[in-house]
Structure formats: C-alpha cells, structure tokens
Amino acid sequence: MDSKKKSIVKSITWYSFHNVMMFSIGYAFTGSVETGLAIALIQTAGESVLYYFHERAWIRWGHRIVKDKNISKPAT
C-alpha cells in the first residue's frame, strides 16, 4: 500500500513532468517563454478543476458504473 507521503511526492513529480511537457509544447509552437508558461499553468489549473468535478461525479454515480459493468472493486 502506498503511504500518503509517497502519494504526495508522486503527485508533485507527475505535475512537474506534466508542466514541463506543456511548457515545451507551448514554447515550441509559439517561441515565447511567457506563452509557454501561461499554457502550462492554465492547463494545469483547468485540469485540477475538472478533476475535482470528475471525482465528485464518480462519488455520486461511479458505483452504478461499476455495478452495471460487473467490475470488481479493488481490495482495500
């Protein structure tokens, strides 16, 4: 089982990698450091908001999807 500390570190490294990738793509397309940073930060903020709503929807309706698809829940 993953510890909370390990999950936090994994989240930080994932978002760091993701932001570098988004910055690189933005910079490659525009040639602007400022635009690359803006793209990376806006995308991360938007993704965070959408993830929150995804989690809330999953809490509300996810059990139906699991039940309807006959998907077993992971062991805890």
C-alpha atoms as a PDB file:
ATOM      1  CA  MET A   1       0.000   0.000   0.000  1.00  0.00           C
ATOM      2  CA  ASP A   2       1.254   3.480  -0.842  1.00  0.00           C
ATOM      3  CA  SER A   3       1.841   5.844   2.009  1.00  0.00           C
ATOM      4  CA  LYS A   4       0.376   9.358   1.998  1.00  0.00           C
ATOM      5  CA  LYS A   5       3.870  10.815   1.726  1.00  0.00           C
ATOM      6  CA  LYS A   6       4.660   8.670  -1.307  1.00  0.00           C
ATOM      7  CA  SER A   7       1.377   9.714  -2.947  1.00  0.00           C
ATOM      8  CA  ILE A   8       2.181  13.384  -2.376  1.00  0.00           C
ATOM      9  CA  VAL A   9       5.668  13.001  -3.848  1.00  0.00           C
ATOM     10  CA  LYS A  10       4.279  11.106  -6.847  1.00  0.00           C
ATOM     11  CA  SER A  11       1.691  13.843  -7.408  1.00  0.00           C
ATOM     12  CA  ILE A  12       4.339  16.567  -7.288  1.00  0.00           C
ATOM     13  CA  THR A  13       6.650  14.748  -9.693  1.00  0.00           C
ATOM     14  CA  TRP A  14       3.754  13.978 -12.067  1.00  0.00           C
ATOM     15  CA  TYR A  15       2.585  17.593 -12.187  1.00  0.00           C
ATOM     16  CA  SER A  16       6.185  18.793 -12.549  1.00  0.00           C
ATOM     17  CA  PHE A  17       6.734  16.496 -15.529  1.00  0.00           C
ATOM     18  CA  HIS A  18       3.380  17.477 -16.975  1.00  0.00           C
ATOM     19  CA  ASN A  19       4.098  21.211 -16.649  1.00  0.00           C
ATOM     20  CA  VAL A  20       7.499  20.843 -18.312  1.00  0.00           C
ATOM     21  CA  MET A  21       5.856  18.969 -21.174  1.00  0.00           C
ATOM     22  CA  MET A  22       3.078  21.570 -21.588  1.00  0.00           C
ATOM     23  CA  PHE A  23       5.589  24.424 -21.411  1.00  0.00           C
ATOM     24  CA  SER A  24       7.770  22.716 -24.024  1.00  0.00           C
ATOM     25  CA  ILE A  25       4.848  22.252 -26.399  1.00  0.00           C
ATOM     26  CA  GLY A  26       3.670  25.841 -25.895  1.00  0.00           C
ATOM     27  CA  TYR A  27       7.182  27.187 -26.400  1.00  0.00           C
ATOM     28  CA  ALA A  28       7.777  25.010 -29.470  1.00  0.00           C
ATOM     29  CA  PHE A  29       4.613  26.300 -31.137  1.00  0.00           C
ATOM     30  CA  THR A  30       4.964  29.968 -30.186  1.00  0.00           C
ATOM     31  CA  GLY A  31       8.654  30.598 -29.488  1.00  0.00           C
ATOM     32  CA  SER A  32       7.597  32.578 -26.415  1.00  0.00           C
ATOM     33  CA  VAL A  33       8.625  31.654 -22.869  1.00  0.00           C
ATOM     34  CA  GLU A  34       5.732  33.679 -21.437  1.00  0.00           C
ATOM     35  CA  THR A  35       3.169  31.956 -23.645  1.00  0.00           C
ATOM     36  CA  GLY A  36       4.643  28.539 -22.876  1.00  0.00           C
ATOM     37  CA  LEU A  37       4.374  29.229 -19.136  1.00  0.00           C
ATOM     38  CA  ALA A  38       0.843  30.569 -19.497  1.00  0.00           C
ATOM     39  CA  ILE A  39      -0.259  27.486 -21.423  1.00  0.00           C
ATOM     40  CA  ALA A  40       1.265  25.155 -18.832  1.00  0.00           C
ATOM     41  CA  LEU A  41      -0.265  26.992 -15.873  1.00  0.00           C
ATOM     42  CA  ILE A  42      -3.710  27.457 -17.422  1.00  0.00           C
ATOM     43  CA  GLN A  43      -3.847  23.826 -18.492  1.00  0.00           C
ATOM     44  CA  THR A  44      -2.835  22.623 -15.015  1.00  0.00           C
ATOM     45  CA  ALA A  45      -5.393  24.865 -13.302  1.00  0.00           C
ATOM     46  CA  GLY A  46      -8.128  23.752 -15.695  1.00  0.00           C
ATOM     47  CA  GLU A  47      -7.206  20.108 -15.251  1.00  0.00           C
ATOM     48  CA  SER A  48      -7.332  20.475 -11.464  1.00  0.00           C
ATOM     49  CA  VAL A  49     -10.828  21.983 -11.569  1.00  0.00           C
ATOM     50  CA  LEU A  50     -12.094  19.338 -13.978  1.00  0.00           C
ATOM     51  CA  TYR A  51     -10.544  16.577 -11.867  1.00  0.00           C
ATOM     52  CA  TYR A  52     -12.451  17.841  -8.812  1.00  0.00           C
ATOM     53  CA  PHE A  53     -15.770  17.649 -10.671  1.00  0.00           C
ATOM     54  CA  HIS A  54     -14.828  14.230 -12.072  1.00  0.00           C
ATOM     55  CA  GLU A  55     -14.189  12.960  -8.539  1.00  0.00           C
ATOM     56  CA  ARG A  56     -17.492  14.371  -7.273  1.00  0.00           C
ATOM     57  CA  ALA A  57     -19.375  12.770 -10.181  1.00  0.00           C
ATOM     58  CA  TRP A  58     -17.620   9.455  -9.599  1.00  0.00           C
ATOM     59  CA  ILE A  59     -18.592   9.530  -5.924  1.00  0.00           C
ATOM     60  CA  ARG A  60     -22.184  10.184  -6.919  1.00  0.00           C
ATOM     61  CA  TRP A  61     -22.577   7.832  -9.905  1.00  0.00           C
ATOM     62  CA  GLY A  62     -19.436   5.662 -10.083  1.00  0.00           C
ATOM     63  CA  HIS A  63     -20.901   2.806  -8.079  1.00  0.00           C
ATOM     64  CA  ARG A  64     -23.576   2.416 -10.757  1.00  0.00           C
ATOM     65  CA  ILE A  65     -20.963   2.119 -13.488  1.00  0.00           C
ATOM     66  CA  VAL A  66     -19.048  -0.488 -11.512  1.00  0.00           C
ATOM     67  CA  LYS A  67     -22.245  -2.408 -10.752  1.00  0.00           C
ATOM     68  CA  ASP A  68     -23.610  -2.177 -14.314  1.00  0.00           C
ATOM     69  CA  LYS A  69     -20.337  -3.305 -15.900  1.00  0.00           C
ATOM     70  CA  ASN A  70     -19.829  -6.010 -13.276  1.00  0.00           C
ATOM     71  CA  ILE A  71     -16.388  -4.612 -12.465  1.00  0.00           C
ATOM     72  CA  SER A  72     -14.987  -5.811  -9.196  1.00  0.00           C
ATOM     73  CA  LYS A  73     -13.793  -3.203  -6.722  1.00  0.00           C
ATOM     74  CA  PRO A  74     -10.106  -3.258  -5.783  1.00  0.00           C
ATOM     75  CA  ALA A  75      -9.219  -4.807  -2.450  1.00  0.00           C
ATOM     76  CA  THR A  76      -8.568  -2.320   0.342  1.00  0.00           C
END
